[in-house]
């Protein structure tokens, strides 16, 4: 891992309970890196961390979300 300039990023951890009471966590597959990660991305100028996280979840997973426990 290279250590360059810091990048401000934000993302979301999407959790839900199934009808059977099991907990599911959303992961996004990145084929170019062949890995799995939470939806996340760089904070754009003038954007809040919360705004970035909400935008990234919608862009990468197609989900609208709200913050909360």
Foldseek 3Di string as FASTA:
>chain_A
DDDDDDFAKAADWDWDADPVRDIDTDWAADVVVRDIHGQMDTADPPGDNVRRHQVRCCVRPVDGDDDDD
